[in-house]
C-alpha atoms as a PDB file:
ATOM      1  CA  UNK A   1     106.807 -53.779   8.722  1.00  0.00           C
ATOM      2  CA  UNK A   2     107.306 -57.191   9.823  1.00  0.00           C
ATOM      3  CA  UNK A   3     106.348 -58.691  13.063  1.00  0.00           C
ATOM      4  CA  UNK A   4     108.924 -60.557  14.875  1.00  0.00           C
ATOM      5  CA  UNK A   5     108.258 -63.789  16.788  1.00  0.00           C
ATOM      6  CA  UNK A   6     107.273 -63.974  20.216  1.00  0.00           C
ATOM      7  CA  UNK A   7     110.558 -64.667  21.735  1.00  0.00           C
ATOM      8  CA  UNK A   8     112.356 -61.845  19.631  1.00  0.00           C
ATOM      9  CA  UNK A   9     109.941 -59.318  20.426  1.00  0.00           C
ATOM     10  CA  UNK A  10     109.392 -60.237  24.091  1.00  0.00           C
ATOM     11  CA  UNK A  11     112.891 -60.096  24.743  1.00  0.00           C
ATOM     12  CA  UNK A  12     113.277 -56.660  23.417  1.00  0.00           C
ATOM     13  CA  UNK A  13     110.055 -55.519  25.399  1.00  0.00           C
ATOM     14  CA  UNK A  14     111.070 -56.873  28.582  1.00  0.00           C
ATOM     15  CA  UNK A  15     114.425 -55.055  28.370  1.00  0.00           C
ATOM     16  CA  UNK A  16     113.024 -51.885  27.556  1.00  0.00           C
ATOM     17  CA  UNK A  17     110.541 -52.035  29.958  1.00  0.00           C
ATOM     18  CA  UNK A  18     113.223 -52.942  32.737  1.00  0.00           C
ATOM     19  CA  UNK A  19     115.853 -50.085  31.693  1.00  0.00           C
ATOM     20  CA  UNK A  20     113.764 -47.511  29.827  1.00  0.00           C
ATOM     21  CA  UNK A  21     113.209 -44.401  31.780  1.00  0.00           C
ATOM     22  CA  UNK A  22     109.825 -43.615  33.373  1.00  0.00           C
ATOM     23  CA  UNK A  23     107.050 -43.492  30.893  1.00  0.00           C
ATOM     24  CA  UNK A  24     108.983 -44.804  28.140  1.00  0.00           C
ATOM     25  CA  UNK A  25     108.337 -48.589  26.864  1.00  0.00           C
ATOM     26  CA  UNK A  26     106.650 -49.398  30.037  1.00  0.00           C
ATOM     27  CA  UNK A  27     104.195 -52.473  30.129  1.00  0.00           C
ATOM     28  CA  UNK A  28     100.381 -51.935  30.608  1.00  0.00           C
ATOM     29  CA  UNK A  29      99.916 -54.486  33.392  1.00  0.00           C
ATOM     30  CA  UNK A  30      96.368 -54.823  34.861  1.00  0.00           C
ATOM     31  CA  UNK A  31      94.045 -57.536  36.420  1.00  0.00           C
ATOM     32  CA  UNK A  32      92.004 -57.910  33.278  1.00  0.00           C
ATOM     33  CA  UNK A  33      94.965 -58.693  31.055  1.00  0.00           C
ATOM     34  CA  UNK A  34      96.176 -61.168  33.786  1.00  0.00           C
ATOM     35  CA  UNK A  35      92.862 -62.892  33.683  1.00  0.00           C
ATOM     36  CA  UNK A  36      92.899 -62.991  29.913  1.00  0.00           C
ATOM     37  CA  UNK A  37      96.094 -64.394  29.687  1.00  0.00           C
ATOM     38  CA  UNK A  38      95.369 -67.422  32.205  1.00  0.00           C
ATOM     39  CA  UNK A  39      91.765 -68.296  30.949  1.00  0.00           C
ATOM     40  CA  UNK A  40      92.674 -70.422  28.194  1.00  0.00           C
ATOM     41  CA  UNK A  41      95.779 -72.083  29.520  1.00  0.00           C
ATOM     42  CA  UNK A  42      93.879 -72.665  32.912  1.00  0.00           C
ATOM     43  CA  UNK A  43      90.818 -74.239  30.937  1.00  0.00           C
ATOM     44  CA  UNK A  44      93.140 -76.762  28.827  1.00  0.00           C
ATOM     45  CA  UNK A  45      94.997 -77.789  31.986  1.00  0.00           C
ATOM     46  CA  UNK A  46      91.245 -78.569  33.346  1.00  0.00           C
ATOM     47  CA  UNK A  47      90.481 -80.228  30.346  1.00  0.00           C
ATOM     48  CA  UNK A  48      93.703 -82.644  30.206  1.00  0.00           C
ATOM     49  CA  UNK A  49      93.303 -83.400  33.948  1.00  0.00           C
ATOM     50  CA  UNK A  50      89.989 -84.577  33.157  1.00  0.00           C
ATOM     51  CA  UNK A  51      91.231 -86.406  29.996  1.00  0.00           C
ATOM     52  CA  UNK A  52      94.483 -87.926  31.153  1.00  0.00           C
ATOM     53  CA  UNK A  53      93.765 -88.499  34.979  1.00  0.00           C
ATOM     54  CA  UNK A  54      97.362 -88.100  35.802  1.00  0.00           C
ATOM     55  CA  UNK A  55      97.159 -88.449  39.761  1.00  0.00           C
ATOM     56  CA  UNK A  56      99.888 -86.289  40.339  1.00  0.00           C
ATOM     57  CA  UNK A  57      98.208 -83.962  43.111  1.00  0.00           C
ATOM     58  CA  UNK A  58      97.226 -80.318  43.119  1.00  0.00           C
ATOM     59  CA  UNK A  59     100.589 -79.289  44.572  1.00  0.00           C
ATOM     60  CA  UNK A  60     102.921 -80.514  41.943  1.00  0.00           C
ATOM     61  CA  UNK A  61     100.339 -79.587  39.239  1.00  0.00           C
ATOM     62  CA  UNK A  62     100.598 -75.984  40.462  1.00  0.00           C
ATOM     63  CA  UNK A  63     104.206 -76.188  40.712  1.00  0.00           C
ATOM     64  CA  UNK A  64     104.703 -77.725  37.272  1.00  0.00           C
ATOM     65  CA  UNK A  65     102.251 -75.087  35.531  1.00  0.00           C
ATOM     66  CA  UNK A  66     103.994 -72.002  37.087  1.00  0.00           C
ATOM     67  CA  UNK A  67     107.480 -72.842  38.079  1.00  0.00           C
ATOM     68  CA  UNK A  68     107.810 -74.932  34.930  1.00  0.00           C
ATOM     69  CA  UNK A  69     106.077 -71.936  32.714  1.00  0.00           C
ATOM     70  CA  UNK A  70     108.412 -69.612  34.173  1.00  0.00           C
ATOM     71  CA  UNK A  71     111.502 -71.409  34.383  1.00  0.00           C
ATOM     72  CA  UNK A  72     110.835 -72.023  30.305  1.00  0.00           C
ATOM     73  CA  UNK A  73     109.860 -68.508  29.504  1.00  0.00           C
ATOM     74  CA  UNK A  74     112.871 -67.047  31.416  1.00  0.00           C
ATOM     75  CA  UNK A  75     115.242 -69.548  29.680  1.00  0.00           C
ATOM     76  CA  UNK A  76     113.883 -69.015  26.300  1.00  0.00           C
ATOM     77  CA  UNK A  77     113.625 -65.316  26.409  1.00  0.00           C
ATOM     78  CA  UNK A  78     116.848 -64.186  28.190  1.00  0.00           C
ATOM     79  CA  UNK A  79     119.065 -67.501  27.405  1.00  0.00           C
ATOM     80  CA  UNK A  80     118.009 -69.211  24.261  1.00  0.00           C
ATOM     81  CA  UNK A  81     116.949 -66.648  21.978  1.00  0.00           C
ATOM     82  CA  UNK A  82     119.960 -64.252  22.808  1.00  0.00           C
ATOM     83  CA  UNK A  83     122.388 -66.802  22.166  1.00  0.00           C
ATOM     84  CA  UNK A  84     120.787 -68.629  19.058  1.00  0.00           C
ATOM     85  CA  UNK A  85     119.362 -65.682  17.067  1.00  0.00           C
ATOM     86  CA  UNK A  86     121.889 -63.144  17.796  1.00  0.00           C
ATOM     87  CA  UNK A  87     124.678 -64.669  15.235  1.00  0.00           C
ATOM     88  CA  UNK A  88     121.752 -64.456  12.613  1.00  0.00           C
ATOM     89  CA  UNK A  89     120.479 -60.924  13.625  1.00  0.00           C
ATOM     90  CA  UNK A  90     122.421 -59.025  10.865  1.00  0.00           C
ATOM     91  CA  UNK A  91     120.737 -61.420   8.273  1.00  0.00           C
ATOM     92  CA  UNK A  92     117.242 -60.363   9.536  1.00  0.00           C
ATOM     93  CA  UNK A  93     118.122 -56.653   9.552  1.00  0.00           C
ATOM     94  CA  UNK A  94     119.931 -56.372   6.122  1.00  0.00           C
ATOM     95  CA  UNK A  95     117.937 -58.903   3.962  1.00  0.00           C
ATOM     96  CA  UNK A  96     115.365 -57.692   1.865  1.00  0.00           C
ATOM     97  CA  UNK A  97     113.952 -61.615   1.608  1.00  0.00           C
ATOM     98  CA  UNK A  98     111.172 -62.264   3.605  1.00  0.00           C
ATOM     99  CA  UNK A  99     111.618 -65.767   3.261  1.00  0.00           C
ATOM    100  CA  UNK A 100     115.221 -65.498   4.737  1.00  0.00           C
ATOM    101  CA  UNK A 101     114.282 -63.236   7.405  1.00  0.00           C
ATOM    102  CA  UNK A 102     111.227 -65.359   8.374  1.00  0.00           C
ATOM    103  CA  UNK A 103     113.388 -68.728   8.431  1.00  0.00           C
ATOM    104  CA  UNK A 104     115.954 -66.875  10.613  1.00  0.00           C
ATOM    105  CA  UNK A 105     113.256 -65.611  12.851  1.00  0.00           C
ATOM    106  CA  UNK A 106     111.099 -68.911  13.112  1.00  0.00           C
ATOM    107  CA  UNK A 107     113.928 -71.349  13.604  1.00  0.00           C
ATOM    108  CA  UNK A 108     116.841 -69.903  15.971  1.00  0.00           C
ATOM    109  CA  UNK A 109     114.521 -66.765  16.816  1.00  0.00           C
ATOM    110  CA  UNK A 110     111.172 -68.713  18.300  1.00  0.00           C
ATOM    111  CA  UNK A 111     111.029 -72.306  17.802  1.00  0.00           C
ATOM    112  CA  UNK A 112     114.612 -73.961  18.533  1.00  0.00           C
ATOM    113  CA  UNK A 113     114.884 -71.977  21.874  1.00  0.00           C
ATOM    114  CA  UNK A 114     111.444 -72.207  23.140  1.00  0.00           C
ATOM    115  CA  UNK A 115     111.403 -76.105  22.290  1.00  0.00           C
ATOM    116  CA  UNK A 116     114.687 -76.288  24.071  1.00  0.00           C
ATOM    117  CA  UNK A 117     113.388 -74.326  26.959  1.00  0.00           C
ATOM    118  CA  UNK A 118     110.310 -76.291  27.604  1.00  0.00           C
ATOM    119  CA  UNK A 119     111.886 -79.967  26.909  1.00  0.00           C
ATOM    120  CA  UNK A 120     114.847 -78.771  29.326  1.00  0.00           C
ATOM    121  CA  UNK A 121     112.252 -78.163  32.013  1.00  0.00           C
ATOM    122  CA  UNK A 122     110.097 -80.704  31.726  1.00  0.00           C
ATOM    123  CA  UNK A 123     113.168 -82.933  32.091  1.00  0.00           C
ATOM    124  CA  UNK A 124     113.877 -80.948  35.129  1.00  0.00           C
ATOM    125  CA  UNK A 125     110.298 -81.456  36.557  1.00  0.00           C
ATOM    126  CA  UNK A 126     110.750 -85.315  35.713  1.00  0.00           C
ATOM    127  CA  UNK A 127     114.030 -85.436  37.688  1.00  0.00           C
ATOM    128  CA  UNK A 128     112.859 -83.595  40.802  1.00  0.00           C
ATOM    129  CA  UNK A 129     109.316 -84.075  41.155  1.00  0.00           C
ATOM    130  CA  UNK A 130     108.036 -87.344  38.877  1.00  0.00           C
ATOM    131  CA  UNK A 131     110.575 -89.429  39.175  1.00  0.00           C
ATOM    132  CA  UNK A 132     108.278 -92.535  39.829  1.00  0.00           C
ATOM    133  CA  UNK A 133     105.014 -90.585  38.005  1.00  0.00           C
ATOM    134  CA  UNK A 134     102.736 -92.830  35.735  1.00  0.00           C
ATOM    135  CA  UNK A 135     102.651 -92.586  31.900  1.00  0.00           C
ATOM    136  CA  UNK A 136      99.526 -89.994  31.980  1.00  0.00           C
ATOM    137  CA  UNK A 137     101.588 -87.874  34.728  1.00  0.00           C
ATOM    138  CA  UNK A 138     104.381 -87.639  32.301  1.00  0.00           C
ATOM    139  CA  UNK A 139     102.381 -86.524  29.557  1.00  0.00           C
ATOM    140  CA  UNK A 140     100.209 -84.122  31.607  1.00  0.00           C
ATOM    141  CA  UNK A 141     103.205 -82.590  32.907  1.00  0.00           C
ATOM    142  CA  UNK A 142     104.500 -81.906  29.322  1.00  0.00           C
ATOM    143  CA  UNK A 143     101.070 -80.105  28.432  1.00  0.00           C
ATOM    144  CA  UNK A 144     101.383 -78.110  31.944  1.00  0.00           C
ATOM    145  CA  UNK A 145     104.838 -76.855  30.989  1.00  0.00           C
ATOM    146  CA  UNK A 146     103.833 -75.756  27.621  1.00  0.00           C
ATOM    147  CA  UNK A 147     100.613 -73.875  28.932  1.00  0.00           C
ATOM    148  CA  UNK A 148     102.587 -72.423  31.762  1.00  0.00           C
ATOM    149  CA  UNK A 149     104.870 -70.859  29.378  1.00  0.00           C
ATOM    150  CA  UNK A 150     101.914 -69.672  26.795  1.00  0.00           C
ATOM    151  CA  UNK A 151     100.372 -68.245  29.716  1.00  0.00           C
ATOM    152  CA  UNK A 152     103.578 -66.128  30.711  1.00  0.00           C
ATOM    153  CA  UNK A 153     103.856 -65.395  27.129  1.00  0.00           C
ATOM    154  CA  UNK A 154      99.763 -64.520  26.884  1.00  0.00           C
ATOM    155  CA  UNK A 155     100.375 -61.920  29.963  1.00  0.00           C
ATOM    156  CA  UNK A 156     103.163 -59.983  27.928  1.00  0.00           C
ATOM    157  CA  UNK A 157     100.988 -59.858  25.081  1.00  0.00           C
ATOM    158  CA  UNK A 158      98.388 -58.559  26.795  1.00  0.00           C
ATOM    159  CA  UNK A 159     100.352 -55.749  28.953  1.00  0.00           C
ATOM    160  CA  UNK A 160     101.234 -54.455  25.490  1.00  0.00           C
ATOM    161  CA  UNK A 161      98.224 -55.058  23.537  1.00  0.00           C
ATOM    162  CA  UNK A 162      96.400 -52.033  22.250  1.00  0.00           C
ATOM    163  CA  UNK A 163      92.846 -53.839  22.675  1.00  0.00           C
ATOM    164  CA  UNK A 164      91.794 -56.474  24.535  1.00  0.00           C
ATOM    165  CA  UNK A 165      90.268 -58.349  21.413  1.00  0.00           C
ATOM    166  CA  UNK A 166      94.098 -58.808  20.348  1.00  0.00           C
ATOM    167  CA  UNK A 167      94.581 -61.533  22.838  1.00  0.00           C
ATOM    168  CA  UNK A 168      92.183 -63.726  21.032  1.00  0.00           C
ATOM    169  CA  UNK A 169      95.119 -64.152  18.452  1.00  0.00           C
ATOM    170  CA  UNK A 170      96.833 -66.021  21.080  1.00  0.00           C
ATOM    171  CA  UNK A 171      94.248 -68.621  21.204  1.00  0.00           C
ATOM    172  CA  UNK A 172      96.109 -71.070  18.644  1.00  0.00           C
ATOM    173  CA  UNK A 173      99.729 -70.571  19.800  1.00  0.00           C
ATOM    174  CA  UNK A 174      98.348 -71.579  23.321  1.00  0.00           C
ATOM    175  CA  UNK A 175      97.033 -74.568  22.126  1.00  0.00           C
ATOM    176  CA  UNK A 176      99.865 -75.546  19.991  1.00  0.00           C
ATOM    177  CA  UNK A 177     102.297 -75.171  23.258  1.00  0.00           C
ATOM    178  CA  UNK A 178      99.956 -77.285  24.826  1.00  0.00           C
ATOM    179  CA  UNK A 179      99.961 -80.091  21.955  1.00  0.00           C
ATOM    180  CA  UNK A 180     103.727 -79.670  21.397  1.00  0.00           C
ATOM    181  CA  UNK A 181     104.088 -80.270  25.263  1.00  0.00           C
ATOM    182  CA  UNK A 182     101.784 -83.450  25.069  1.00  0.00           C
ATOM    183  CA  UNK A 183     104.116 -84.671  22.235  1.00  0.00           C
ATOM    184  CA  UNK A 184     107.417 -83.900  24.388  1.00  0.00           C
ATOM    185  CA  UNK A 185     105.935 -86.034  27.349  1.00  0.00           C
ATOM    186  CA  UNK A 186     105.207 -88.830  25.174  1.00  0.00           C
ATOM    187  CA  UNK A 187     108.694 -88.807  23.532  1.00  0.00           C
ATOM    188  CA  UNK A 188     110.445 -88.554  26.956  1.00  0.00           C
ATOM    189  CA  UNK A 189     108.335 -91.944  27.925  1.00  0.00           C
ATOM    190  CA  UNK A 190     109.887 -93.382  25.091  1.00  0.00           C
ATOM    191  CA  UNK A 191     113.177 -92.553  26.710  1.00  0.00           C
ATOM    192  CA  UNK A 192     112.257 -93.819  30.116  1.00  0.00           C
ATOM    193  CA  UNK A 193     111.209 -97.438  28.525  1.00  0.00           C
ATOM    194  CA  UNK A 194     114.334 -97.576  26.735  1.00  0.00           C
ATOM    195  CA  UNK A 195     116.966 -99.786  27.940  1.00  0.00           C
ATOM    196  CA  UNK A 196     119.276 -97.965  27.671  1.00  0.00           C
ATOM    197  CA  UNK A 197     117.991 -94.970  25.680  1.00  0.00           C
ATOM    198  CA  UNK A 198     119.822 -94.396  22.069  1.00  0.00           C
ATOM    199  CA  UNK A 199     120.794 -91.350  20.643  1.00  0.00           C
ATOM    200  CA  UNK A 200     117.784 -91.303  18.367  1.00  0.00           C
ATOM    201  CA  UNK A 201     115.718 -91.366  21.442  1.00  0.00           C
ATOM    202  CA  UNK A 202     117.100 -87.626  22.612  1.00  0.00           C
ATOM    203  CA  UNK A 203     117.398 -86.407  19.150  1.00  0.00           C
ATOM    204  CA  UNK A 204     113.608 -86.926  18.421  1.00  0.00           C
ATOM    205  CA  UNK A 205     112.757 -85.437  21.768  1.00  0.00           C
ATOM    206  CA  UNK A 206     113.726 -81.897  20.671  1.00  0.00           C
ATOM    207  CA  UNK A 207     113.453 -82.522  16.970  1.00  0.00           C
ATOM    208  CA  UNK A 208     109.808 -83.375  16.384  1.00  0.00           C
ATOM    209  CA  UNK A 209     108.584 -80.607  18.490  1.00  0.00           C
ATOM    210  CA  UNK A 210     110.909 -78.061  17.100  1.00  0.00           C
ATOM    211  CA  UNK A 211     110.120 -79.018  13.246  1.00  0.00           C
ATOM    212  CA  UNK A 212     106.542 -78.717  13.845  1.00  0.00           C
ATOM    213  CA  UNK A 213     106.863 -75.610  15.617  1.00  0.00           C
ATOM    214  CA  UNK A 214     108.970 -74.084  13.056  1.00  0.00           C
ATOM    215  CA  UNK A 215     106.690 -75.207  10.304  1.00  0.00           C
ATOM    216  CA  UNK A 216     104.001 -73.486  11.872  1.00  0.00           C
ATOM    217  CA  UNK A 217     105.868 -70.286  12.561  1.00  0.00           C
ATOM    218  CA  UNK A 218     107.712 -70.365   8.974  1.00  0.00           C
ATOM    219  CA  UNK A 219     104.162 -70.830   7.016  1.00  0.00           C
ATOM    220  CA  UNK A 220     103.047 -67.880   8.847  1.00  0.00           C
ATOM    221  CA  UNK A 221     105.443 -65.978   6.790  1.00  0.00           C
ATOM    222  CA  UNK A 222     102.944 -66.232   3.719  1.00  0.00           C
ATOM    223  CA  UNK A 223     100.642 -63.499   5.596  1.00  0.00           C
ATOM    224  CA  UNK A 224     103.423 -61.173   5.173  1.00  0.00           C
ATOM    225  CA  UNK A 225     103.927 -61.144   1.559  1.00  0.00           C
ATOM    226  CA  UNK A 226     103.379 -57.760  -0.239  1.00  0.00           C
ATOM    227  CA  UNK A 227     101.883 -58.207  -3.835  1.00  0.00           C
ATOM    228  CA  UNK A 228     102.549 -54.330  -5.588  1.00  0.00           C
ATOM    229  CA  UNK A 229     100.066 -53.970  -8.251  1.00  0.00           C
ATOM    230  CA  UNK A 230      97.478 -56.424  -7.362  1.00  0.00           C
ATOM    231  CA  UNK A 231      94.646 -53.923  -6.363  1.00  0.00           C
ATOM    232  CA  UNK A 232      94.842 -53.048  -9.888  1.00  0.00           C
ATOM    233  CA  UNK A 233      93.963 -55.980 -11.710  1.00  0.00           C
ATOM    234  CA  UNK A 234      90.348 -56.466 -12.252  1.00  0.00           C
ATOM    235  CA  UNK A 235      89.130 -59.675 -10.561  1.00  0.00           C
ATOM    236  CA  UNK A 236      87.979 -61.667 -13.842  1.00  0.00           C
ATOM    237  CA  UNK A 237      91.664 -61.257 -15.081  1.00  0.00           C
ATOM    238  CA  UNK A 238      94.190 -63.644 -13.923  1.00  0.00           C
ATOM    239  CA  UNK A 239      97.289 -62.052 -12.096  1.00  0.00           C
ATOM    240  CA  UNK A 240     100.501 -62.083 -14.525  1.00  0.00           C
ATOM    241  CA  UNK A 241     103.323 -64.736 -13.756  1.00  0.00           C
ATOM    242  CA  UNK A 242     105.457 -62.196 -11.806  1.00  0.00           C
ATOM    243  CA  UNK A 243     102.350 -61.821  -9.356  1.00  0.00           C
ATOM    244  CA  UNK A 244     101.108 -65.356  -9.569  1.00  0.00           C
ATOM    245  CA  UNK A 245     104.103 -67.501  -8.321  1.00  0.00           C
ATOM    246  CA  UNK A 246     104.509 -65.352  -5.429  1.00  0.00           C
ATOM    247  CA  UNK A 247     100.929 -65.747  -4.681  1.00  0.00           C
ATOM    248  CA  UNK A 248     101.019 -69.557  -4.817  1.00  0.00           C
ATOM    249  CA  UNK A 249     104.214 -69.384  -2.567  1.00  0.00           C
ATOM    250  CA  UNK A 250     102.563 -67.497  -0.096  1.00  0.00           C
ATOM    251  CA  UNK A 251      99.202 -69.941  -0.161  1.00  0.00           C
ATOM    252  CA  UNK A 252     101.795 -72.870   0.148  1.00  0.00           C
ATOM    253  CA  UNK A 253     103.412 -71.260   3.418  1.00  0.00           C
ATOM    254  CA  UNK A 254     100.232 -70.546   4.785  1.00  0.00           C
ATOM    255  CA  UNK A 255      98.941 -74.227   3.837  1.00  0.00           C
ATOM    256  CA  UNK A 256     102.094 -75.509   5.638  1.00  0.00           C
ATOM    257  CA  UNK A 257     101.504 -73.552   9.098  1.00  0.00           C
ATOM    258  CA  UNK A 258      97.865 -75.148   8.858  1.00  0.00           C
ATOM    259  CA  UNK A 259      99.135 -78.520   8.078  1.00  0.00           C
ATOM    260  CA  UNK A 260     101.672 -78.463  11.085  1.00  0.00           C
ATOM    261  CA  UNK A 261      99.189 -77.263  13.316  1.00  0.00           C
ATOM    262  CA  UNK A 262      96.807 -80.228  12.238  1.00  0.00           C
ATOM    263  CA  UNK A 263      99.663 -82.539  12.544  1.00  0.00           C
ATOM    264  CA  UNK A 264     100.250 -81.241  16.361  1.00  0.00           C
ATOM    265  CA  UNK A 265      96.337 -81.538  16.911  1.00  0.00           C
ATOM    266  CA  UNK A 266      96.090 -84.962  15.872  1.00  0.00           C
ATOM    267  CA  UNK A 267      99.163 -86.471  17.278  1.00  0.00           C
ATOM    268  CA  UNK A 268      98.137 -84.973  20.549  1.00  0.00           C
ATOM    269  CA  UNK A 269      94.619 -86.382  20.404  1.00  0.00           C
ATOM    270  CA  UNK A 270      96.375 -89.756  19.253  1.00  0.00           C
ATOM    271  CA  UNK A 271      98.268 -89.832  22.437  1.00  0.00           C
ATOM    272  CA  UNK A 272      95.768 -88.752  24.762  1.00  0.00           C
ATOM    273  CA  UNK A 273      93.484 -91.684  23.473  1.00  0.00           C
ATOM    274  CA  UNK A 274      96.303 -94.196  23.989  1.00  0.00           C
ATOM    275  CA  UNK A 275      96.952 -92.824  27.324  1.00  0.00           C
ATOM    276  CA  UNK A 276      93.440 -93.204  28.390  1.00  0.00           C
ATOM    277  CA  UNK A 277      93.131 -96.828  26.635  1.00  0.00           C
ATOM    278  CA  UNK A 278      95.994 -97.797  28.668  1.00  0.00           C
ATOM    279  CA  UNK A 279      94.540 -96.410  31.867  1.00  0.00           C
ATOM    280  CA  UNK A 280      91.416 -98.800  31.520  1.00  0.00           C
ATOM    281  CA  UNK A 281      93.729-101.764  31.896  1.00  0.00           C
ATOM    282  CA  UNK A 282      95.179-103.063  35.107  1.00  0.00           C
ATOM    283  CA  UNK A 283      98.909-102.451  35.718  1.00  0.00           C
ATOM    284  CA  UNK A 284      99.342-106.035  37.003  1.00  0.00           C
ATOM    285  CA  UNK A 285      97.764-109.332  35.590  1.00  0.00           C
ATOM    286  CA  UNK A 286      95.137-110.854  37.823  1.00  0.00           C
ATOM    287  CA  UNK A 287      96.231-113.229  40.174  1.00  0.00           C
ATOM    288  CA  UNK A 288      95.438-116.665  39.705  1.00  0.00           C
ATOM    289  CA  UNK A 289      92.366-118.274  41.618  1.00  0.00           C
ATOM    290  CA  UNK A 290      93.323-120.604  44.406  1.00  0.00           C
ATOM    291  CA  UNK A 291      92.452-123.965  43.838  1.00  0.00           C
ATOM    292  CA  UNK A 292      89.238-125.379  45.424  1.00  0.00           C
END
């Protein structure tokens, strides 16, 4: 049985927990799940604050992390996922193709609504709280929105996890949300600097984070392939063509997910290095010395 992406699964679980009878479909909320869900996001938020030195103050930092994460999660789960995924839900239910179902679940079911919600929240935060913020602050705000989203998503996963160790699987998505948030903040800086910003500036603000997110999610479909009869083939023999091609296809998908994660990481690191290099320089040129 396939496991749907976070957006689809959490939407159904939340509705079940809210409207099901007592004792049916309720979430297992505890202090340990709350702490576990927040540990990696808070750790990364502190690391990015040390690397970027955003100087936006603790109050705005907490607001962007908590309110930004909550707003983006609610918008994604209850607005964009039902709106974008519902027209294609029938294909997932009736299709026997793992690739088709994975494509629908990965694009309109998770990556597009989540990135749309996070980018919209970042723009909202920049207009209300960070209108005159510095470049490091905008990039840091992008990471905070992504980490706040991941923290709430982690909390829901922790509430439904059978074992506390299951939350370790959320480390990679949490890092991915933070990397994509940094990339989104950097792309928004391009819009602020353009006079005026063109259509391409706005398109790439949504396109690149969504594309990387989609490639990672869709690549994980490679783990869901079934290879009937593979266990019966001796290790020293080469699988027949009817099994070899699906195996190579699954490997290519997993490799795509790994490459997408690598691009996210490298791009985010490059952005942080650029911001740190810029911060070492004065914003204004030194005043000329007075004649003696």
